[in-house]
Amino acid sequence: MNLLAFDTSTDALSLAVGRGLGAQQQVWQHSGPGGAQASSSLINALMDLLRQADLRLADLDAICFGSGPGSFTGLRTACSVAQGLAFGANVPVLPVPSLLALAQAARSHAAPGVTEGRITALLDARMDEIYAASYAFDGALWTLLQAPCLVAPQDVVHWSCLSAPSQGAPLWQAFAGNVVGVYGDRLRLAPEDVYVAALPTAAAMLQLAPALLAADQAVPASQALPLYVRDKVAKTTLEREAEKADKAQLLARQASATPHV
């Protein structure tokens, strides 16, 4: 199976090309600055990886991209590049949730030999919020436990479904992401909680791709869309003006209610 994968949902750009499956798979990888900078380097970098792997776009079984949530600019870049390449090469597109790729990257790094567990994936969403989703894994299969959403840092532990099973040995479970360095003690993680520093990677997407493709998650290029959990990042002029008016009215009421000496 020949696959191209890339993620630009964070400040880190991650690309990978895979040939073959399982232990026979050969992987070529590239990393660099993400965000707005990814748009200027992504295509050249991925074409270089394909040359290293001696593959053409038409040789690919699918083009995988990190669908989000994440940076608005990064998601639009990844989606548009995936669509353009897929249209031109007539290959399907595989949107891979960025939080799932993060969970897979954390599992591969921290618990490669563990076959059953749960991970709550956390990405800094800025604006004092966190993108969060919880997943369970059993062998090579992942199950979504809690869908991607926005969570306040202090609510992460309460929101997460990580809890010891009622029967049998405890599952391996962890929080994973890039949020401890940003929010620290506000996350309210307990000393016994496992936290794995991780980001979504293209290599993790290659590992996820066979099961996702077998589950018919690939789509035509025209249906490849980013996953936006936060649907707006700025207030409109009217919203800002209305907010100012509300504050002015509140101050006026407070002033009129203050007794004069």
C-alpha atoms as a PDB file:
ATOM      1  CA  MET A   1       0.000   0.000   0.000  1.00  0.00           C
ATOM      2  CA  ASN A   2       1.385   3.371  -1.055  1.00  0.00           C
ATOM      3  CA  LEU A   3       0.345   6.321   1.098  1.00  0.00           C
ATOM      4  CA  LEU A   4       1.154  10.004   1.432  1.00  0.00           C
ATOM      5  CA  ALA A   5       0.306  11.676   4.755  1.00  0.00           C
ATOM      6  CA  PHE A   6       0.703  15.203   6.103  1.00  0.00           C
ATOM      7  CA  ASP A   7      -0.484  17.226   9.074  1.00  0.00           C
ATOM      8  CA  THR A   8      -0.389  21.029   9.377  1.00  0.00           C
ATOM      9  CA  SER A   9      -2.893  21.425  12.215  1.00  0.00           C
ATOM     10  CA  THR A  10      -0.287  22.687  14.713  1.00  0.00           C
ATOM     11  CA  ASP A  11       2.873  24.796  14.695  1.00  0.00           C
ATOM     12  CA  ALA A  12       4.759  21.727  13.437  1.00  0.00           C
ATOM     13  CA  LEU A  13       4.586  20.437   9.851  1.00  0.00           C
ATOM     14  CA  SER A  14       4.753  16.637   9.586  1.00  0.00           C
ATOM     15  CA  LEU A  15       4.932  14.633   6.341  1.00  0.00           C
ATOM     16  CA  ALA A  16       5.444  10.962   5.581  1.00  0.00           C
ATOM     17  CA  VAL A  17       5.330   8.576   2.640  1.00  0.00           C
ATOM     18  CA  GLY A  18       4.835   4.858   3.176  1.00  0.00           C
ATOM     19  CA  ARG A  19       5.334   1.883   0.876  1.00  0.00           C
ATOM     20  CA  GLY A  20       4.142  -1.566   1.888  1.00  0.00           C
ATOM     21  CA  LEU A  21       2.341  -2.714   5.044  1.00  0.00           C
ATOM     22  CA  GLY A  22       3.274  -3.734   8.574  1.00  0.00           C
ATOM     23  CA  ALA A  23       6.849  -4.804   9.122  1.00  0.00           C
ATOM     24  CA  GLN A  24       7.486  -4.542   5.371  1.00  0.00           C
ATOM     25  CA  GLN A  25       6.541  -0.875   5.202  1.00  0.00           C
ATOM     26  CA  GLN A  26       9.228   1.620   4.277  1.00  0.00           C
ATOM     27  CA  VAL A  27       8.664   5.143   5.549  1.00  0.00           C
ATOM     28  CA  TRP A  28      10.172   8.473   4.514  1.00  0.00           C
ATOM     29  CA  GLN A  29       9.546  11.441   6.817  1.00  0.00           C
ATOM     30  CA  HIS A  30       9.976  15.201   6.902  1.00  0.00           C
ATOM     31  CA  SER A  31       9.218  17.814   9.568  1.00  0.00           C
ATOM     32  CA  GLY A  32       9.378  21.585   9.632  1.00  0.00           C
ATOM     33  CA  PRO A  33       7.582  24.756  10.720  1.00  0.00           C
ATOM     34  CA  GLY A  34       3.795  24.522  10.498  1.00  0.00           C
ATOM     35  CA  GLY A  35       1.022  27.084  10.680  1.00  0.00           C
ATOM     36  CA  ALA A  36       1.168  29.806   8.058  1.00  0.00           C
ATOM     37  CA  GLN A  37       4.684  28.758   6.992  1.00  0.00           C
ATOM     38  CA  ALA A  38       3.463  25.329   5.904  1.00  0.00           C
ATOM     39  CA  SER A  39       1.737  26.737   2.824  1.00  0.00           C
ATOM     40  CA  SER A  40       5.052  27.809   1.302  1.00  0.00           C
ATOM     41  CA  SER A  41       6.953  24.552   1.903  1.00  0.00           C
ATOM     42  CA  LEU A  42       4.385  21.739   1.952  1.00  0.00           C
ATOM     43  CA  ILE A  43       4.134  20.874  -1.742  1.00  0.00           C
ATOM     44  CA  ASN A  44       7.885  20.979  -2.415  1.00  0.00           C
ATOM     45  CA  ALA A  45       8.574  18.869   0.671  1.00  0.00           C
ATOM     46  CA  LEU A  46       6.016  16.194  -0.133  1.00  0.00           C
ATOM     47  CA  MET A  47       7.097  15.971  -3.765  1.00  0.00           C
ATOM     48  CA  ASP A  48      10.667  15.486  -2.549  1.00  0.00           C
ATOM     49  CA  LEU A  49       9.537  12.631  -0.280  1.00  0.00           C
ATOM     50  CA  LEU A  50       7.727  10.982  -3.171  1.00  0.00           C
ATOM     51  CA  ARG A  51      10.901  11.188  -5.247  1.00  0.00           C
ATOM     52  CA  GLN A  52      12.877   9.579  -2.414  1.00  0.00           C
ATOM     53  CA  ALA A  53      10.310   6.772  -2.293  1.00  0.00           C
ATOM     54  CA  ASP A  54      10.364   6.468  -6.110  1.00  0.00           C
ATOM     55  CA  LEU A  55       6.603   7.034  -6.262  1.00  0.00           C
ATOM     56  CA  ARG A  56       4.337   9.189  -8.381  1.00  0.00           C
ATOM     57  CA  LEU A  57       1.104  10.689  -7.143  1.00  0.00           C
ATOM     58  CA  ALA A  58      -0.774   8.283  -9.393  1.00  0.00           C
ATOM     59  CA  ASP A  59       0.910   5.356  -7.594  1.00  0.00           C
ATOM     60  CA  LEU A  60      -0.733   6.264  -4.280  1.00  0.00           C
ATOM     61  CA  ASP A  61      -3.606   4.301  -2.807  1.00  0.00           C
ATOM     62  CA  ALA A  62      -4.707   7.353  -0.816  1.00  0.00           C
ATOM     63  CA  ILE A  63      -3.648  10.830   0.273  1.00  0.00           C
ATOM     64  CA  CYS A  64      -4.058  11.262   4.037  1.00  0.00           C
ATOM     65  CA  PHE A  65      -4.332  14.669   5.663  1.00  0.00           C
ATOM     66  CA  GLY A  66      -4.851  15.873   9.228  1.00  0.00           C
ATOM     67  CA  SER A  67      -8.429  17.109   9.137  1.00  0.00           C
ATOM     68  CA  GLY A  68      -8.434  18.856  12.502  1.00  0.00           C
ATOM     69  CA  PRO A  69      -9.295  20.358  14.818  1.00  0.00           C
ATOM     70  CA  GLY A  70      -6.370  22.733  14.871  1.00  0.00           C
ATOM     71  CA  SER A  71      -5.021  25.892  13.308  1.00  0.00           C
ATOM     72  CA  PHE A  72      -7.551  27.380  10.872  1.00  0.00           C
ATOM     73  CA  THR A  73      -4.820  28.339   8.408  1.00  0.00           C
ATOM     74  CA  GLY A  74      -3.120  24.963   8.746  1.00  0.00           C
ATOM     75  CA  LEU A  75      -6.343  23.002   8.217  1.00  0.00           C
ATOM     76  CA  ARG A  76      -7.290  24.999   5.135  1.00  0.00           C
ATOM     77  CA  THR A  77      -3.790  24.489   3.739  1.00  0.00           C
ATOM     78  CA  ALA A  78      -3.859  20.723   4.293  1.00  0.00           C
ATOM     79  CA  CYS A  79      -7.353  20.326   2.885  1.00  0.00           C
ATOM     80  CA  SER A  80      -6.716  22.382  -0.240  1.00  0.00           C
ATOM     81  CA  VAL A  81      -3.413  20.627  -0.982  1.00  0.00           C
ATOM     82  CA  ALA A  82      -4.970  17.188  -0.451  1.00  0.00           C
ATOM     83  CA  GLN A  83      -7.874  18.062  -2.733  1.00  0.00           C
ATOM     84  CA  GLY A  84      -5.654  19.484  -5.450  1.00  0.00           C
ATOM     85  CA  LEU A  85      -3.275  16.536  -5.492  1.00  0.00           C
ATOM     86  CA  ALA A  86      -6.105  13.990  -5.337  1.00  0.00           C
ATOM     87  CA  PHE A  87      -8.035  15.613  -8.181  1.00  0.00           C
ATOM     88  CA  GLY A  88      -4.951  15.674 -10.367  1.00  0.00           C
ATOM     89  CA  ALA A  89      -3.889  12.104  -9.609  1.00  0.00           C
ATOM     90  CA  ASN A  90      -7.407  10.645  -9.359  1.00  0.00           C
ATOM     91  CA  VAL A  91      -6.781   9.020  -5.969  1.00  0.00           C
ATOM     92  CA  PRO A  92      -9.014   9.017  -2.873  1.00  0.00           C
ATOM     93  CA  VAL A  93      -8.475  11.256   0.140  1.00  0.00           C
ATOM     94  CA  LEU A  94      -8.388   9.999   3.729  1.00  0.00           C
ATOM     95  CA  PRO A  95      -9.205  12.686   6.344  1.00  0.00           C
ATOM     96  CA  VAL A  96      -7.571  11.682   9.633  1.00  0.00           C
ATOM     97  CA  PRO A  97      -8.717  13.481  12.812  1.00  0.00           C
ATOM     98  CA  SER A  98      -5.706  15.290  14.218  1.00  0.00           C
ATOM     99  CA  LEU A  99      -6.536  14.273  17.797  1.00  0.00           C
ATOM    100  CA  LEU A 100      -6.660  10.614  16.740  1.00  0.00           C
ATOM    101  CA  ALA A 101      -3.248  10.988  15.092  1.00  0.00           C
ATOM    102  CA  LEU A 102      -2.003  12.568  18.327  1.00  0.00           C
ATOM    103  CA  ALA A 103      -3.346   9.627  20.340  1.00  0.00           C
ATOM    104  CA  GLN A 104      -1.651   7.141  18.009  1.00  0.00           C
ATOM    105  CA  ALA A 105       1.640   9.055  18.195  1.00  0.00           C
ATOM    106  CA  ALA A 106       1.463   9.036  22.005  1.00  0.00           C
ATOM    107  CA  ARG A 107       0.667   5.323  22.117  1.00  0.00           C
ATOM    108  CA  SER A 108       3.526   4.461  19.745  1.00  0.00           C
ATOM    109  CA  HIS A 109       5.956   6.508  21.853  1.00  0.00           C
ATOM    110  CA  ALA A 110       4.873   5.636  25.392  1.00  0.00           C
ATOM    111  CA  ALA A 111       3.162   2.235  25.174  1.00  0.00           C
ATOM    112  CA  PRO A 112       4.129   0.431  21.941  1.00  0.00           C
ATOM    113  CA  GLY A 113       3.638  -3.001  23.467  1.00  0.00           C
ATOM    114  CA  VAL A 114       0.303  -2.261  25.131  1.00  0.00           C
ATOM    115  CA  THR A 115      -2.704  -3.698  23.295  1.00  0.00           C
ATOM    116  CA  GLU A 116      -5.549  -2.135  25.241  1.00  0.00           C
ATOM    117  CA  GLY A 117      -6.015   1.301  26.744  1.00  0.00           C
ATOM    118  CA  ARG A 118      -7.503   4.777  26.646  1.00  0.00           C
ATOM    119  CA  ILE A 119      -6.044   8.146  25.700  1.00  0.00           C
ATOM    120  CA  THR A 120      -7.454  11.633  26.060  1.00  0.00           C
ATOM    121  CA  ALA A 121      -5.811  13.738  23.354  1.00  0.00           C
ATOM    122  CA  LEU A 122      -5.344  17.440  24.099  1.00  0.00           C
ATOM    123  CA  LEU A 123      -4.206  20.236  21.790  1.00  0.00           C
ATOM    124  CA  ASP A 124      -3.812  23.868  22.747  1.00  0.00           C
ATOM    125  CA  ALA A 125      -6.621  25.755  20.985  1.00  0.00           C
ATOM    126  CA  ARG A 126      -5.420  29.123  22.299  1.00  0.00           C
ATOM    127  CA  MET A 127      -8.003  31.674  23.490  1.00  0.00           C
ATOM    128  CA  ASP A 128      -7.688  29.876  26.870  1.00  0.00           C
ATOM    129  CA  GLU A 129      -9.248  26.667  25.518  1.00  0.00           C
ATOM    130  CA  ILE A 130      -8.163  23.130  24.645  1.00  0.00           C
ATOM    131  CA  TYR A 131      -9.222  20.816  21.824  1.00  0.00           C
ATOM    132  CA  ALA A 132      -9.984  17.463  23.445  1.00  0.00           C
ATOM    133  CA  ALA A 133     -11.136  13.996  22.434  1.00  0.00           C
ATOM    134  CA  SER A 134     -10.982  10.586  24.127  1.00  0.00           C
ATOM    135  CA  TYR A 135     -10.236   7.287  22.403  1.00  0.00           C
ATOM    136  CA  ALA A 136      -9.932   3.634  23.364  1.00  0.00           C
ATOM    137  CA  PHE A 137      -7.646   1.224  21.534  1.00  0.00           C
ATOM    138  CA  ASP A 138      -7.868  -2.542  21.320  1.00  0.00           C
ATOM    139  CA  GLY A 139      -5.172  -4.081  19.195  1.00  0.00           C
ATOM    140  CA  ALA A 140      -4.992  -2.078  15.965  1.00  0.00           C
ATOM    141  CA  LEU A 141      -8.500  -0.626  16.305  1.00  0.00           C
ATOM    142  CA  TRP A 142      -9.491   2.699  17.833  1.00  0.00           C
ATOM    143  CA  THR A 143     -12.915   3.611  19.206  1.00  0.00           C
ATOM    144  CA  LEU A 144     -14.059   7.190  19.730  1.00  0.00           C
ATOM    145  CA  LEU A 145     -15.272   7.617  23.317  1.00  0.00           C
ATOM    146  CA  GLN A 146     -15.771  11.396  23.417  1.00  0.00           C
ATOM    147  CA  ALA A 147     -15.942  13.477  20.251  1.00  0.00           C
ATOM    148  CA  PRO A 148     -13.623  16.447  19.667  1.00  0.00           C
ATOM    149  CA  CYS A 149     -14.748  19.559  21.498  1.00  0.00           C
ATOM    150  CA  LEU A 150     -13.455  22.655  23.274  1.00  0.00           C
ATOM    151  CA  VAL A 151     -12.707  22.360  26.990  1.00  0.00           C
ATOM    152  CA  ALA A 152     -11.456  24.883  29.522  1.00  0.00           C
ATOM    153  CA  PRO A 153      -8.071  23.878  31.018  1.00  0.00           C
ATOM    154  CA  GLN A 154      -9.490  23.476  34.526  1.00  0.00           C
ATOM    155  CA  ASP A 155     -12.263  21.177  33.232  1.00  0.00           C
ATOM    156  CA  VAL A 156     -10.064  18.644  31.417  1.00  0.00           C
ATOM    157  CA  VAL A 157      -9.939  16.020  34.163  1.00  0.00           C
ATOM    158  CA  HIS A 158     -13.659  16.297  34.918  1.00  0.00           C
ATOM    159  CA  TRP A 159     -14.514  16.111  31.202  1.00  0.00           C
ATOM    160  CA  SER A 160     -12.245  13.166  30.422  1.00  0.00           C
ATOM    161  CA  CYS A 161     -13.702   9.673  30.510  1.00  0.00           C
ATOM    162  CA  LEU A 162     -10.458   8.187  31.834  1.00  0.00           C
ATOM    163  CA  SER A 163     -11.426   6.010  34.750  1.00  0.00           C
ATOM    164  CA  ALA A 164     -10.452   2.575  36.018  1.00  0.00           C
ATOM    165  CA  PRO A 165     -12.551  -0.285  34.617  1.00  0.00           C
ATOM    166  CA  SER A 166     -14.955  -1.959  37.011  1.00  0.00           C
ATOM    167  CA  GLN A 167     -13.545  -5.444  36.437  1.00  0.00           C
ATOM    168  CA  GLY A 168     -10.190  -6.972  35.642  1.00  0.00           C
ATOM    169  CA  ALA A 169      -6.779  -5.358  35.535  1.00  0.00           C
ATOM    170  CA  PRO A 170      -6.617  -1.590  35.011  1.00  0.00           C
ATOM    171  CA  LEU A 171      -6.245  -0.426  31.440  1.00  0.00           C
ATOM    172  CA  TRP A 172      -3.243   1.626  30.442  1.00  0.00           C
ATOM    173  CA  GLN A 173      -4.538   5.181  30.175  1.00  0.00           C
ATOM    174  CA  ALA A 174      -3.031   8.568  29.646  1.00  0.00           C
ATOM    175  CA  PHE A 175      -3.498  12.197  28.778  1.00  0.00           C
ATOM    176  CA  ALA A 176      -1.462  13.256  25.753  1.00  0.00           C
ATOM    177  CA  GLY A 177      -0.770  16.474  23.894  1.00  0.00           C
ATOM    178  CA  ASN A 178       0.980  19.821  24.079  1.00  0.00           C
ATOM    179  CA  VAL A 179      -0.937  21.518  26.906  1.00  0.00           C
ATOM    180  CA  VAL A 180       1.043  20.983  30.124  1.00  0.00           C
ATOM    181  CA  GLY A 181       3.681  23.528  29.145  1.00  0.00           C
ATOM    182  CA  VAL A 182       0.944  26.058  28.382  1.00  0.00           C
ATOM    183  CA  TYR A 183      -1.560  25.585  31.218  1.00  0.00           C
ATOM    184  CA  GLY A 184       0.426  23.775  33.901  1.00  0.00           C
ATOM    185  CA  ASP A 185      -1.373  23.320  37.212  1.00  0.00           C
ATOM    186  CA  ARG A 186      -4.609  24.707  35.785  1.00  0.00           C
ATOM    187  CA  LEU A 187      -5.145  21.259  34.218  1.00  0.00           C
ATOM    188  CA  ARG A 188      -5.510  19.764  37.705  1.00  0.00           C
ATOM    189  CA  LEU A 189      -3.782  16.535  36.739  1.00  0.00           C
ATOM    190  CA  ALA A 190      -3.139  14.219  39.677  1.00  0.00           C
ATOM    191  CA  PRO A 191       0.404  12.965  40.412  1.00  0.00           C
ATOM    192  CA  GLU A 192      -0.636   9.470  39.328  1.00  0.00           C
ATOM    193  CA  ASP A 193      -2.036  10.630  35.977  1.00  0.00           C
ATOM    194  CA  VAL A 194       0.111   9.651  32.995  1.00  0.00           C
ATOM    195  CA  TYR A 195       0.828  12.514  30.604  1.00  0.00           C
ATOM    196  CA  VAL A 196       2.616  12.020  27.277  1.00  0.00           C
ATOM    197  CA  ALA A 197       3.945  15.059  25.420  1.00  0.00           C
ATOM    198  CA  ALA A 198       2.916  14.509  21.794  1.00  0.00           C
ATOM    199  CA  LEU A 199       1.684  16.107  18.586  1.00  0.00           C
ATOM    200  CA  PRO A 200      -0.156  14.580  15.626  1.00  0.00           C
ATOM    201  CA  THR A 201       2.365  13.135  13.171  1.00  0.00           C
ATOM    202  CA  ALA A 202       2.212  11.893   9.614  1.00  0.00           C
ATOM    203  CA  ALA A 203       3.911   8.661  10.711  1.00  0.00           C
ATOM    204  CA  ALA A 204       1.019   8.030  13.106  1.00  0.00           C
ATOM    205  CA  MET A 205      -1.404   8.683  10.267  1.00  0.00           C
ATOM    206  CA  LEU A 206       0.307   5.994   8.188  1.00  0.00           C
ATOM    207  CA  GLN A 207      -0.200   3.564  11.066  1.00  0.00           C
ATOM    208  CA  LEU A 208      -3.895   4.469  11.303  1.00  0.00           C
ATOM    209  CA  ALA A 209      -4.585   4.492   7.572  1.00  0.00           C
ATOM    210  CA  PRO A 210      -5.050   0.736   6.857  1.00  0.00           C
ATOM    211  CA  ALA A 211      -7.828   0.345   9.446  1.00  0.00           C
ATOM    212  CA  LEU A 212      -9.481   3.628   8.399  1.00  0.00           C
ATOM    213  CA  LEU A 213      -9.381   2.629   4.739  1.00  0.00           C
ATOM    214  CA  ALA A 214     -10.800  -0.805   5.589  1.00  0.00           C
ATOM    215  CA  ALA A 215     -13.633   1.001   7.371  1.00  0.00           C
ATOM    216  CA  ASP A 216     -14.413   2.966   4.171  1.00  0.00           C
ATOM    217  CA  GLN A 217     -13.322   6.302   5.634  1.00  0.00           C
ATOM    218  CA  ALA A 218     -11.709   7.450   2.360  1.00  0.00           C
ATOM    219  CA  VAL A 219     -13.663  10.033   0.372  1.00  0.00           C
ATOM    220  CA  PRO A 220     -13.495  11.618  -3.088  1.00  0.00           C
ATOM    221  CA  ALA A 221     -11.423  14.781  -3.252  1.00  0.00           C
ATOM    222  CA  SER A 222     -14.540  16.959  -3.466  1.00  0.00           C
ATOM    223  CA  GLN A 223     -15.706  15.666  -0.068  1.00  0.00           C
ATOM    224  CA  ALA A 224     -12.441  16.231   1.799  1.00  0.00           C
ATOM    225  CA  LEU A 225     -13.300  18.837   4.430  1.00  0.00           C
ATOM    226  CA  PRO A 226     -11.566  20.154   7.540  1.00  0.00           C
ATOM    227  CA  LEU A 227     -13.014  19.511  10.994  1.00  0.00           C
ATOM    228  CA  TYR A 228     -13.662  22.858  12.694  1.00  0.00           C
ATOM    229  CA  VAL A 229     -14.596  22.506  16.358  1.00  0.00           C
ATOM    230  CA  ARG A 230     -14.370  26.248  16.914  1.00  0.00           C
ATOM    231  CA  ASP A 231     -16.289  27.896  14.083  1.00  0.00           C
ATOM    232  CA  LYS A 232     -15.085  31.434  14.713  1.00  0.00           C
ATOM    233  CA  VAL A 233     -11.884  32.996  16.019  1.00  0.00           C
ATOM    234  CA  ALA A 234     -12.782  36.682  16.031  1.00  0.00           C
ATOM    235  CA  LYS A 235     -15.757  38.882  16.802  1.00  0.00           C
ATOM    236  CA  THR A 236     -17.419  40.971  14.108  1.00  0.00           C
ATOM    237  CA  THR A 237     -17.454  44.772  14.248  1.00  0.00           C
ATOM    238  CA  LEU A 238     -21.132  44.705  15.245  1.00  0.00           C
ATOM    239  CA  GLU A 239     -20.405  42.209  18.036  1.00  0.00           C
ATOM    240  CA  ARG A 240     -17.556  44.364  19.366  1.00  0.00           C
ATOM    241  CA  GLU A 241     -19.722  47.500  19.226  1.00  0.00           C
ATOM    242  CA  ALA A 242     -22.594  45.728  20.991  1.00  0.00           C
ATOM    243  CA  GLU A 243     -20.176  44.509  23.667  1.00  0.00           C
ATOM    244  CA  LYS A 244     -18.877  48.057  24.192  1.00  0.00           C
ATOM    245  CA  ALA A 245     -22.456  49.362  24.449  1.00  0.00           C
ATOM    246  CA  ASP A 246     -23.330  46.720  27.028  1.00  0.00           C
ATOM    247  CA  LYS A 247     -20.272  47.615  29.101  1.00  0.00           C
ATOM    248  CA  ALA A 248     -21.109  51.337  28.870  1.00  0.00           C
ATOM    249  CA  GLN A 249     -24.654  50.664  30.062  1.00  0.00           C
ATOM    250  CA  LEU A 250     -23.378  48.534  32.932  1.00  0.00           C
ATOM    251  CA  LEU A 251     -20.949  51.264  34.017  1.00  0.00           C
ATOM    252  CA  ALA A 252     -23.727  53.858  33.804  1.00  0.00           C
ATOM    253  CA  ARG A 253     -26.021  51.736  35.997  1.00  0.00           C
ATOM    254  CA  GLN A 254     -23.243  51.181  38.510  1.00  0.00           C
ATOM    255  CA  ALA A 255     -22.482  54.921  38.599  1.00  0.00           C
ATOM    256  CA  SER A 256     -26.135  55.849  39.129  1.00  0.00           C
ATOM    257  CA  ALA A 257     -26.481  53.267  41.895  1.00  0.00           C
ATOM    258  CA  THR A 258     -23.415  54.578  43.797  1.00  0.00           C
ATOM    259  CA  PRO A 259     -24.491  56.905  46.610  1.00  0.00           C
ATOM    260  CA  HIS A 260     -23.007  60.417  46.418  1.00  0.00           C
ATOM    261  CA  VAL A 261     -21.207  61.659  49.497  1.00  0.00           C
END
